[in-house]
């Protein structure tokens, strides 16, 4: 009888420890996901002429309409541009 009682105590203790570990894991997961929220965006596209030919080495300028902040990029050999880490806003 004493042997069964000590096994029961051990089982309760390990179950509580498992529950505590699971709760800690969930809390840490939510903390990291909160830090992962970003307040930036990206704009990408291509520059082409009226015939549809892409234009390499074209200068692209976008302006945040609320702040007037300007961001520039140059298209690659295929006429593609990519602007990242832009503050959220209207451009």
C-alpha atoms as a PDB file:
ATOM      1  CA  UNK A   1       0.000   0.000   0.000  1.00  0.00           C
ATOM      2  CA  UNK A   2       2.805   2.424   0.855  1.00  0.00           C
ATOM      3  CA  UNK A   3       4.528   1.655  -2.436  1.00  0.00           C
ATOM      4  CA  UNK A   4       1.351   2.493  -4.385  1.00  0.00           C
ATOM      5  CA  UNK A   5       0.929   5.778  -2.497  1.00  0.00           C
ATOM      6  CA  UNK A   6       4.468   6.956  -3.304  1.00  0.00           C
ATOM      7  CA  UNK A   7       3.940   6.108  -7.009  1.00  0.00           C
ATOM      8  CA  UNK A   8       0.743   8.154  -6.950  1.00  0.00           C
ATOM      9  CA  UNK A   9       2.601  11.141  -5.429  1.00  0.00           C
ATOM     10  CA  UNK A  10       5.354  10.840  -8.036  1.00  0.00           C
ATOM     11  CA  UNK A  11       2.797  10.664 -10.821  1.00  0.00           C
ATOM     12  CA  UNK A  12       0.987  13.770  -9.520  1.00  0.00           C
ATOM     13  CA  UNK A  13       4.271  15.650  -9.220  1.00  0.00           C
ATOM     14  CA  UNK A  14       5.430  14.735 -12.733  1.00  0.00           C
ATOM     15  CA  UNK A  15       1.985  15.632 -14.133  1.00  0.00           C
ATOM     16  CA  UNK A  16       2.166  19.047 -12.463  1.00  0.00           C
ATOM     17  CA  UNK A  17       5.668  19.533 -13.811  1.00  0.00           C
ATOM     18  CA  UNK A  18       4.492  18.655 -17.311  1.00  0.00           C
ATOM     19  CA  UNK A  19       1.592  21.104 -17.032  1.00  0.00           C
ATOM     20  CA  UNK A  20       3.954  23.843 -15.826  1.00  0.00           C
ATOM     21  CA  UNK A  21       6.349  23.170 -18.721  1.00  0.00           C
ATOM     22  CA  UNK A  22       3.477  23.340 -21.239  1.00  0.00           C
ATOM     23  CA  UNK A  23       2.225  26.629 -19.771  1.00  0.00           C
ATOM     24  CA  UNK A  24       5.733  28.085 -19.900  1.00  0.00           C
ATOM     25  CA  UNK A  25       6.117  26.997 -23.525  1.00  0.00           C
ATOM     26  CA  UNK A  26       2.843  28.670 -24.509  1.00  0.00           C
ATOM     27  CA  UNK A  27       3.757  31.883 -22.668  1.00  0.00           C
ATOM     28  CA  UNK A  28       7.163  32.086 -24.342  1.00  0.00           C
ATOM     29  CA  UNK A  29       5.648  31.339 -27.762  1.00  0.00           C
ATOM     30  CA  UNK A  30       3.195  34.227 -27.414  1.00  0.00           C
ATOM     31  CA  UNK A  31       5.965  36.544 -26.260  1.00  0.00           C
ATOM     32  CA  UNK A  32       8.064  35.805 -29.352  1.00  0.00           C
ATOM     33  CA  UNK A  33       5.117  36.168 -31.704  1.00  0.00           C
ATOM     34  CA  UNK A  34       4.372  39.591 -30.221  1.00  0.00           C
ATOM     35  CA  UNK A  35       7.917  40.711 -31.055  1.00  0.00           C
ATOM     36  CA  UNK A  36       7.545  39.349 -34.586  1.00  0.00           C
ATOM     37  CA  UNK A  37       4.856  41.890 -35.483  1.00  0.00           C
ATOM     38  CA  UNK A  38       6.252  44.365 -37.964  1.00  0.00           C
ATOM     39  CA  UNK A  39       5.100  47.806 -38.956  1.00  0.00           C
ATOM     40  CA  UNK A  40       6.864  47.892 -42.312  1.00  0.00           C
ATOM     41  CA  UNK A  41       5.926  46.824 -45.804  1.00  0.00           C
ATOM     42  CA  UNK A  42       7.360  46.410 -49.271  1.00  0.00           C
ATOM     43  CA  UNK A  43       6.590  47.518 -52.809  1.00  0.00           C
ATOM     44  CA  UNK A  44       7.837  45.646 -55.845  1.00  0.00           C
ATOM     45  CA  UNK A  45       7.076  45.713 -59.530  1.00  0.00           C
ATOM     46  CA  UNK A  46       8.402  46.186 -63.036  1.00  0.00           C
ATOM     47  CA  UNK A  47       8.952  49.216 -65.208  1.00  0.00           C
ATOM     48  CA  UNK A  48       8.048  48.940 -68.881  1.00  0.00           C
ATOM     49  CA  UNK A  49       7.442  51.253 -71.822  1.00  0.00           C
ATOM     50  CA  UNK A  50       4.196  51.569 -73.796  1.00  0.00           C
ATOM     51  CA  UNK A  51       5.139  48.593 -75.999  1.00  0.00           C
ATOM     52  CA  UNK A  52       5.570  46.381 -72.928  1.00  0.00           C
ATOM     53  CA  UNK A  53       9.360  46.187 -73.120  1.00  0.00           C
ATOM     54  CA  UNK A  54      10.900  46.226 -69.677  1.00  0.00           C
ATOM     55  CA  UNK A  55      13.298  49.032 -68.870  1.00  0.00           C
ATOM     56  CA  UNK A  56      16.560  48.154 -67.094  1.00  0.00           C
ATOM     57  CA  UNK A  57      18.351  50.706 -64.915  1.00  0.00           C
ATOM     58  CA  UNK A  58      15.245  52.902 -64.551  1.00  0.00           C
ATOM     59  CA  UNK A  59      15.008  55.060 -61.460  1.00  0.00           C
ATOM     60  CA  UNK A  60      11.937  54.442 -59.294  1.00  0.00           C
ATOM     61  CA  UNK A  61      10.888  56.986 -56.670  1.00  0.00           C
ATOM     62  CA  UNK A  62       8.007  56.522 -54.248  1.00  0.00           C
ATOM     63  CA  UNK A  63       6.828  59.206 -51.843  1.00  0.00           C
ATOM     64  CA  UNK A  64       4.876  58.710 -48.630  1.00  0.00           C
ATOM     65  CA  UNK A  65       1.924  61.046 -49.108  1.00  0.00           C
ATOM     66  CA  UNK A  66       1.554  61.778 -45.384  1.00  0.00           C
ATOM     67  CA  UNK A  67       5.198  62.409 -44.519  1.00  0.00           C
ATOM     68  CA  UNK A  68       6.792  63.338 -47.860  1.00  0.00           C
ATOM     69  CA  UNK A  69       9.516  60.750 -47.200  1.00  0.00           C
ATOM     70  CA  UNK A  70      11.055  59.576 -50.493  1.00  0.00           C
ATOM     71  CA  UNK A  71      12.441  56.113 -51.247  1.00  0.00           C
ATOM     72  CA  UNK A  72      14.348  55.273 -54.424  1.00  0.00           C
ATOM     73  CA  UNK A  73      15.360  52.126 -56.270  1.00  0.00           C
ATOM     74  CA  UNK A  74      16.883  51.223 -59.617  1.00  0.00           C
ATOM     75  CA  UNK A  75      15.444  48.430 -61.767  1.00  0.00           C
ATOM     76  CA  UNK A  76      17.539  45.372 -62.533  1.00  0.00           C
ATOM     77  CA  UNK A  77      18.336  43.977 -66.017  1.00  0.00           C
ATOM     78  CA  UNK A  78      14.762  42.641 -66.250  1.00  0.00           C
ATOM     79  CA  UNK A  79      13.152  45.967 -65.266  1.00  0.00           C
ATOM     80  CA  UNK A  80      12.228  44.729 -61.760  1.00  0.00           C
ATOM     81  CA  UNK A  81      12.471  46.813 -58.589  1.00  0.00           C
ATOM     82  CA  UNK A  82      11.973  46.024 -54.926  1.00  0.00           C
ATOM     83  CA  UNK A  83      11.647  48.465 -52.021  1.00  0.00           C
ATOM     84  CA  UNK A  84      11.446  46.886 -48.578  1.00  0.00           C
ATOM     85  CA  UNK A  85      11.363  48.003 -44.934  1.00  0.00           C
ATOM     86  CA  UNK A  86       9.006  50.832 -45.821  1.00  0.00           C
ATOM     87  CA  UNK A  87       7.041  52.450 -43.013  1.00  0.00           C
ATOM     88  CA  UNK A  88       3.338  51.675 -43.304  1.00  0.00           C
ATOM     89  CA  UNK A  89       1.455  54.408 -45.126  1.00  0.00           C
ATOM     90  CA  UNK A  90       0.081  55.616 -48.437  1.00  0.00           C
ATOM     91  CA  UNK A  91       2.557  55.948 -51.287  1.00  0.00           C
END
